[in-house]
Amino acid sequence: MKGIVVKSTGSWYIVMTDDKKLCNCRLKGQFRIHGIRTTNPVAVGDHVDFKPEGTGENGIITAIAPRANYIVRRSINLSKSAHIIASNIDRLYIVASIMLPRTSTGFIDRLLVTAEAYHIPAAVIFNKSDIYTAEAHLRCESLMKLYASLGYPTFLVSALIGTGVEELRSVLCNKVNLFAGHSGVGKSALINSIDSGLSIKTGEISSYHNKGMHTTTFAEMHPLSFGGYMIDTPGIKEFGLVHFESQEIAERFPEFRALLHNCRYNNCTHVHEPGCAVKTALDKGSINQERYHNYLGLLNDENLDMTDYE
């Protein structure tokens, strides 16, 4: 039988067939022996072959189809290992907030760089617009303009009062969509607002105005009533990059990538070299200083996830 992995709890995987039937499956031992170099050989979004066992309520995964793409982060417990968040994604949506809790651009840019590396289109959603102060709205407008200029669609929404939800619903239709962001930014509440039939568990009401607790324990894929799928992920505090060479990082910034061929040196780090086209553009103001600051942090493998650019 064939199906798609819609939830992973570590040792068991819930597989959904084309007719929306669910089967609890385990992994055949040889997959671990052959070794895919991640902490999880099977991920949400994987297309698999499986065979029922016993009464048919459980099954065994016998094959994993080649992935169109996938997105990974550094494993929380094993710093040199990778963890696949999800696979076969049509678009990654970074759910952010300007306040309560604030999402830094360092965190956003880490996710965008990873999406670029694995050829996954990305967009940025700014949630909780109903609680933004005038200053926060100005900050949000500035960031939306910045990311839109780089080719990333941006959305201003409120899961609480429904602002911007209909626009989101239209772009999510018939796609495999991955939502990722810090705990407390309202991912689960936003997904419920997009499709009320899902009833995904959310945090306490007070957490809407304060830092949230984890309400999603494992990544999980949900069919959307209007077509397509939504992958909800656990809240991410930090997002560590894996398998990146230092020179590759600049290539994952679209505004840098367009200038790299103009640098004097092929191995330019865009930090101190003379004749650097990126530094020249930075001095002229055509490259955003905050983005450049985040690039330097990634280059030095600094954790910019919870800090603001000053």
Protein backbone atom coordinates (compact mmCIF):
# COMPACT_ATOMS: atom_id res chain seq x y z
CA MET A 1 0.00 0.00 0.00
CA LYS A 2 1.07 3.62 -0.54
CA GLY A 3 0.55 6.65 1.64
CA ILE A 4 2.01 9.85 3.04
CA VAL A 5 3.48 10.27 6.53
CA VAL A 6 1.29 12.78 8.38
CA LYS A 7 2.78 12.45 11.86
CA SER A 8 5.96 11.14 13.43
CA THR A 9 6.32 10.42 17.13
CA GLY A 10 9.85 9.06 16.93
CA SER A 11 9.33 5.31 16.75
CA TRP A 12 5.87 5.25 15.14
CA TYR A 13 4.58 6.99 12.04
CA ILE A 14 0.97 7.70 11.09
CA VAL A 15 0.53 7.10 7.36
CA MET A 16 -2.51 8.40 5.44
CA THR A 17 -3.65 6.65 2.27
CA ASP A 18 -5.23 8.35 -0.74
CA ASP A 19 -8.69 7.60 0.66
CA LYS A 20 -7.71 9.36 3.94
CA LYS A 21 -7.44 6.18 6.02
CA LEU A 22 -4.80 6.22 8.75
CA CYS A 23 -2.41 3.44 9.71
CA ASN A 24 0.13 3.36 12.55
CA CYS A 25 3.40 2.17 11.04
CA ARG A 26 6.83 1.33 12.30
CA LEU A 27 10.04 1.37 10.35
CA LYS A 28 11.72 -1.69 8.97
CA GLY A 29 15.03 -2.11 10.79
CA GLN A 30 17.23 -1.99 7.69
CA PHE A 31 16.43 1.71 7.13
CA ARG A 32 18.29 2.59 10.30
CA ILE A 33 21.19 0.29 9.38
CA HIS A 34 21.58 1.81 5.92
CA GLY A 35 21.63 5.16 7.66
CA ILE A 36 20.17 8.36 6.35
CA ARG A 37 22.36 10.89 8.13
CA THR A 38 19.66 12.48 10.22
CA THR A 39 18.09 11.76 13.58
CA ASN A 40 14.85 10.80 11.79
CA PRO A 41 15.04 8.60 8.68
CA VAL A 42 11.34 9.17 7.99
CA ALA A 43 9.76 12.63 8.09
CA VAL A 44 6.31 14.15 7.82
CA GLY A 45 5.54 14.62 4.13
CA ASP A 46 7.40 11.50 3.01
CA HIS A 47 5.64 9.29 0.47
CA VAL A 48 6.06 5.68 1.56
CA ASP A 49 5.15 2.11 0.73
CA PHE A 50 3.87 0.05 3.66
CA LYS A 51 2.31 -3.31 4.32
CA PRO A 52 -0.33 -4.03 6.98
CA GLU A 53 0.52 -6.48 9.72
CA GLY A 54 -1.64 -8.46 12.10
CA THR A 55 -5.23 -7.21 12.11
CA GLY A 56 -4.34 -4.40 9.71
CA GLU A 57 -4.47 -1.61 12.29
CA ASN A 58 -0.67 -1.38 12.21
CA GLY A 59 1.81 -1.58 9.38
CA ILE A 60 5.48 -1.66 8.41
CA ILE A 61 7.08 0.97 6.15
CA THR A 62 8.98 -0.89 3.44
CA ALA A 63 10.14 1.92 1.13
CA ILE A 64 10.54 5.72 1.10
CA ALA A 65 10.06 7.53 -2.22
CA PRO A 66 12.73 10.05 -3.31
CA ARG A 67 12.04 13.49 -1.82
CA ALA A 68 11.37 16.51 -4.03
CA ASN A 69 12.86 18.62 -1.23
CA TYR A 70 13.09 18.78 2.55
CA ILE A 71 14.02 21.26 5.23
CA VAL A 72 16.39 20.46 8.08
CA ARG A 73 17.67 22.02 11.25
CA ARG A 74 20.49 21.13 13.61
CA SER A 75 19.40 18.47 16.05
CA ILE A 76 18.66 19.87 19.50
CA ASN A 77 20.40 17.03 21.33
CA LEU A 78 23.09 16.12 18.79
CA SER A 79 24.81 19.26 17.51
CA LYS A 80 26.52 17.49 14.60
CA SER A 81 23.37 15.76 13.42
CA ALA A 82 20.47 17.05 11.36
CA HIS A 83 16.76 16.69 11.96
CA ILE A 84 14.38 16.73 9.00
CA ILE A 85 11.39 18.92 9.86
CA ALA A 86 9.32 17.95 6.82
CA SER A 87 9.66 16.94 3.17
CA ASN A 88 7.99 17.50 -0.21
CA ILE A 89 6.98 21.08 0.66
CA ASP A 90 5.46 23.56 -1.80
CA ARG A 91 6.11 26.60 0.40
CA LEU A 92 7.54 27.41 3.83
CA TYR A 93 5.64 30.08 5.75
CA ILE A 94 7.57 31.72 8.57
CA VAL A 95 5.00 32.85 11.13
CA ALA A 96 6.41 35.86 12.99
CA SER A 97 5.26 38.61 15.31
CA ILE A 98 6.56 42.12 15.92
CA MET A 99 5.70 41.91 19.61
CA LEU A 100 4.60 39.52 22.36
CA PRO A 101 6.73 37.62 21.50
CA ARG A 102 9.00 39.50 19.13
CA THR A 103 10.50 37.50 16.27
CA SER A 104 13.98 38.74 15.37
CA THR A 105 15.11 39.09 11.78
CA GLY A 106 18.03 36.84 12.72
CA PHE A 107 15.57 33.99 13.20
CA ILE A 108 13.64 34.84 10.02
CA ASP A 109 16.82 35.02 7.95
CA ARG A 110 18.09 31.67 9.24
CA LEU A 111 14.90 30.02 8.02
CA LEU A 112 15.01 31.88 4.69
CA VAL A 113 18.65 30.88 4.12
CA THR A 114 17.77 27.23 4.81
CA ALA A 115 14.77 27.40 2.47
CA GLU A 116 17.01 28.87 -0.26
CA ALA A 117 19.55 26.08 0.24
CA TYR A 118 16.93 23.34 -0.15
CA HIS A 119 15.08 25.08 -3.01
CA ILE A 120 11.86 25.65 -1.08
CA PRO A 121 9.87 28.83 -1.85
CA ALA A 122 9.33 30.85 1.32
CA ALA A 123 7.06 33.59 2.62
CA VAL A 124 6.75 35.58 5.86
CA ILE A 125 3.50 35.97 7.81
CA PHE A 126 3.31 38.67 10.49
CA ASN A 127 0.59 37.56 12.90
CA LYS A 128 -1.09 39.35 15.86
CA SER A 129 -1.57 42.59 13.93
CA ASP A 130 -4.51 43.43 16.21
CA ILE A 131 -2.20 44.09 19.19
CA TYR A 132 0.53 46.06 17.42
CA THR A 133 1.31 49.55 18.65
CA ALA A 134 1.80 52.38 16.15
CA GLU A 135 5.56 51.82 16.44
CA ALA A 136 5.14 48.09 15.85
CA HIS A 137 3.04 48.72 12.76
CA LEU A 138 5.80 50.94 11.33
CA ARG A 139 8.38 48.25 12.05
CA CYS A 140 6.14 45.63 10.40
CA GLU A 141 5.61 47.77 7.29
CA SER A 142 9.37 48.23 6.99
CA LEU A 143 10.08 44.49 7.24
CA MET A 144 7.28 43.57 4.85
CA LYS A 145 8.68 46.00 2.30
CA LEU A 146 12.20 44.61 2.80
CA TYR A 147 11.28 40.94 2.37
CA ALA A 148 8.89 41.61 -0.50
CA SER A 149 11.71 43.44 -2.33
CA LEU A 150 13.80 40.27 -2.01
CA GLY A 151 11.10 38.13 -3.61
CA TYR A 152 9.46 36.72 -0.47
CA PRO A 153 5.67 37.18 -0.30
CA THR A 154 4.58 38.82 2.97
CA PHE A 155 1.26 38.76 4.79
CA LEU A 156 -0.15 40.83 7.67
CA VAL A 157 -2.76 38.84 9.59
CA SER A 158 -4.57 38.44 12.87
CA ALA A 159 -5.65 34.96 13.87
CA LEU A 160 -7.81 36.51 16.59
CA ILE A 161 -10.00 38.78 14.46
CA GLY A 162 -9.44 37.19 11.05
CA THR A 163 -7.61 40.02 9.29
CA GLY A 164 -5.82 38.76 6.17
CA VAL A 165 -6.95 35.16 6.65
CA GLU A 166 -8.95 34.95 3.43
CA GLU A 167 -5.90 36.06 1.40
CA LEU A 168 -3.83 33.34 3.05
CA ARG A 169 -6.49 30.73 2.41
CA SER A 170 -6.39 31.47 -1.30
CA VAL A 171 -2.61 30.92 -1.62
CA LEU A 172 -2.60 27.79 0.55
CA CYS A 173 -5.22 26.00 -1.54
CA ASN A 174 -4.04 22.73 -3.15
CA LYS A 175 -0.47 23.16 -1.85
CA VAL A 176 1.64 21.43 0.81
CA ASN A 177 2.30 24.27 3.24
CA LEU A 178 4.73 24.25 6.17
CA PHE A 179 4.20 26.72 9.04
CA ALA A 180 7.19 27.39 11.32
CA GLY A 181 7.97 29.96 14.00
CA HIS A 182 8.63 30.64 17.68
CA SER A 183 6.27 29.36 20.36
CA GLY A 184 3.63 31.96 21.11
CA VAL A 185 3.42 33.61 17.67
CA GLY A 186 0.04 31.96 17.15
CA LYS A 187 0.77 29.30 14.52
CA SER A 188 -1.86 26.86 15.73
CA ALA A 189 -4.45 29.60 16.28
CA LEU A 190 -3.78 30.91 12.78
CA ILE A 191 -4.18 27.45 11.25
CA ASN A 192 -7.51 27.05 13.08
CA SER A 193 -8.58 30.44 11.74
CA ILE A 194 -7.68 29.34 8.21
CA ASP A 195 -9.57 26.04 8.54
CA SER A 196 -11.89 25.87 11.55
CA GLY A 197 -12.45 22.16 10.99
CA LEU A 198 -8.94 21.29 12.15
CA SER A 199 -9.33 22.29 15.83
CA ILE A 200 -5.59 22.20 16.52
CA LYS A 201 -4.73 22.60 20.19
CA THR A 202 -3.70 26.13 21.10
CA GLY A 203 -2.18 27.63 24.22
CA GLU A 204 -4.08 29.36 26.98
CA ILE A 205 -5.77 32.62 25.96
CA SER A 206 -3.29 34.61 28.05
CA SER A 207 -0.43 33.22 25.97
CA TYR A 208 -1.74 35.20 23.00
CA HIS A 209 -0.40 38.32 24.67
CA ASN A 210 2.68 36.75 26.23
CA LYS A 211 5.32 34.21 25.37
CA GLY A 212 3.62 30.96 24.52
CA MET A 213 4.25 27.42 25.64
CA HIS A 214 4.75 24.60 23.18
CA THR A 215 1.28 23.48 22.04
CA THR A 216 2.50 21.25 19.20
CA THR A 217 4.78 18.38 20.26
CA PHE A 218 5.48 16.77 16.88
CA ALA A 219 5.27 18.04 13.31
CA GLU A 220 1.93 17.00 11.89
CA MET A 221 0.30 17.26 8.47
CA HIS A 222 -3.39 18.14 8.26
CA PRO A 223 -5.60 17.93 5.13
CA LEU A 224 -7.24 21.30 4.42
CA SER A 225 -10.98 21.26 3.80
CA PHE A 226 -10.56 23.51 0.76
CA GLY A 227 -7.73 21.42 -0.74
CA GLY A 228 -4.07 20.91 0.06
CA TYR A 229 -2.22 20.23 3.30
CA MET A 230 -0.92 22.17 6.28
CA ILE A 231 2.13 21.02 8.23
CA ASP A 232 2.15 22.42 11.77
CA THR A 233 5.49 22.30 13.58
CA PRO A 234 6.55 22.60 17.23
CA GLY A 235 7.56 26.10 18.27
CA ILE A 236 11.21 26.72 17.46
CA LYS A 237 13.35 28.69 19.92
CA GLU A 238 16.59 28.33 17.99
CA PHE A 239 17.25 27.21 14.43
CA GLY A 240 20.73 25.83 13.85
CA LEU A 241 22.08 25.54 10.30
CA VAL A 242 23.65 22.29 9.13
CA HIS A 243 25.80 21.30 6.15
CA PHE A 244 26.66 24.89 5.18
CA GLU A 245 30.04 26.00 3.89
CA SER A 246 30.85 29.61 4.79
CA GLN A 247 31.01 30.72 1.15
CA GLU A 248 27.62 29.14 0.49
CA ILE A 249 25.85 31.38 3.01
CA ALA A 250 26.23 34.51 0.87
CA GLU A 251 24.74 32.65 -2.09
CA ARG A 252 21.57 32.11 -0.05
CA PHE A 253 20.97 35.86 0.32
CA PRO A 254 19.28 36.89 -2.98
CA GLU A 255 20.55 40.47 -2.79
CA PHE A 256 24.13 39.19 -2.29
CA ARG A 257 23.83 36.53 -4.95
CA ALA A 258 23.12 39.10 -7.65
CA LEU A 259 26.45 40.84 -6.89
CA LEU A 260 28.89 38.01 -6.22
CA HIS A 261 30.28 37.92 -9.76
CA ASN A 262 31.37 41.58 -9.33
CA CYS A 263 33.62 40.93 -6.32
CA ARG A 264 37.35 41.16 -7.03
CA TYR A 265 38.06 37.80 -5.40
CA ASN A 266 36.21 34.56 -6.13
CA ASN A 267 36.48 33.50 -2.48
CA CYS A 268 35.37 36.87 -1.10
CA THR A 269 33.76 36.62 2.35
CA HIS A 270 32.23 40.11 2.00
CA VAL A 271 33.74 41.14 5.32
CA HIS A 272 37.15 42.78 4.84
CA GLU A 273 38.30 42.18 1.25
CA PRO A 274 38.99 45.14 -1.09
CA GLY A 275 36.88 45.33 -4.23
CA CYS A 276 33.87 43.64 -2.59
CA ALA A 277 30.66 44.40 -4.48
CA VAL A 278 28.51 43.48 -1.48
CA LYS A 279 30.34 45.91 0.83
CA THR A 280 30.08 48.63 -1.82
CA ALA A 281 26.34 48.06 -2.09
CA LEU A 282 26.07 48.11 1.69
CA ASP A 283 27.84 51.47 1.85
CA LYS A 284 25.49 52.86 -0.81
CA GLY A 285 22.44 51.64 1.12
CA SER A 286 21.22 49.19 -1.51
CA ILE A 287 21.79 46.27 0.87
CA ASN A 288 19.95 46.38 4.18
CA GLN A 289 22.28 46.74 7.17
CA GLU A 290 20.18 44.44 9.34
CA ARG A 291 20.34 41.67 6.75
CA TYR A 292 24.13 42.15 6.47
CA HIS A 293 24.44 42.00 10.26
CA ASN A 294 22.52 38.70 10.24
CA TYR A 295 24.79 37.41 7.46
CA LEU A 296 27.84 38.08 9.63
CA GLY A 297 26.21 36.22 12.50
CA LEU A 298 25.53 33.21 10.28
CA LEU A 299 29.06 33.37 8.92
CA ASN A 300 30.38 33.17 12.49
CA ASP A 301 27.70 30.65 13.47
CA GLU A 302 26.32 32.99 16.11
CA ASN A 303 22.87 32.48 17.57
CA LEU A 304 20.84 35.45 16.33
CA ASP A 305 17.53 33.77 16.99
CA MET A 306 16.44 35.76 20.01
CA THR A 307 18.38 39.02 19.58
CA ASP A 308 17.58 42.23 17.78
CA TYR A 309 19.87 44.19 15.52
CA GLU A 310 20.97 47.29 17.36
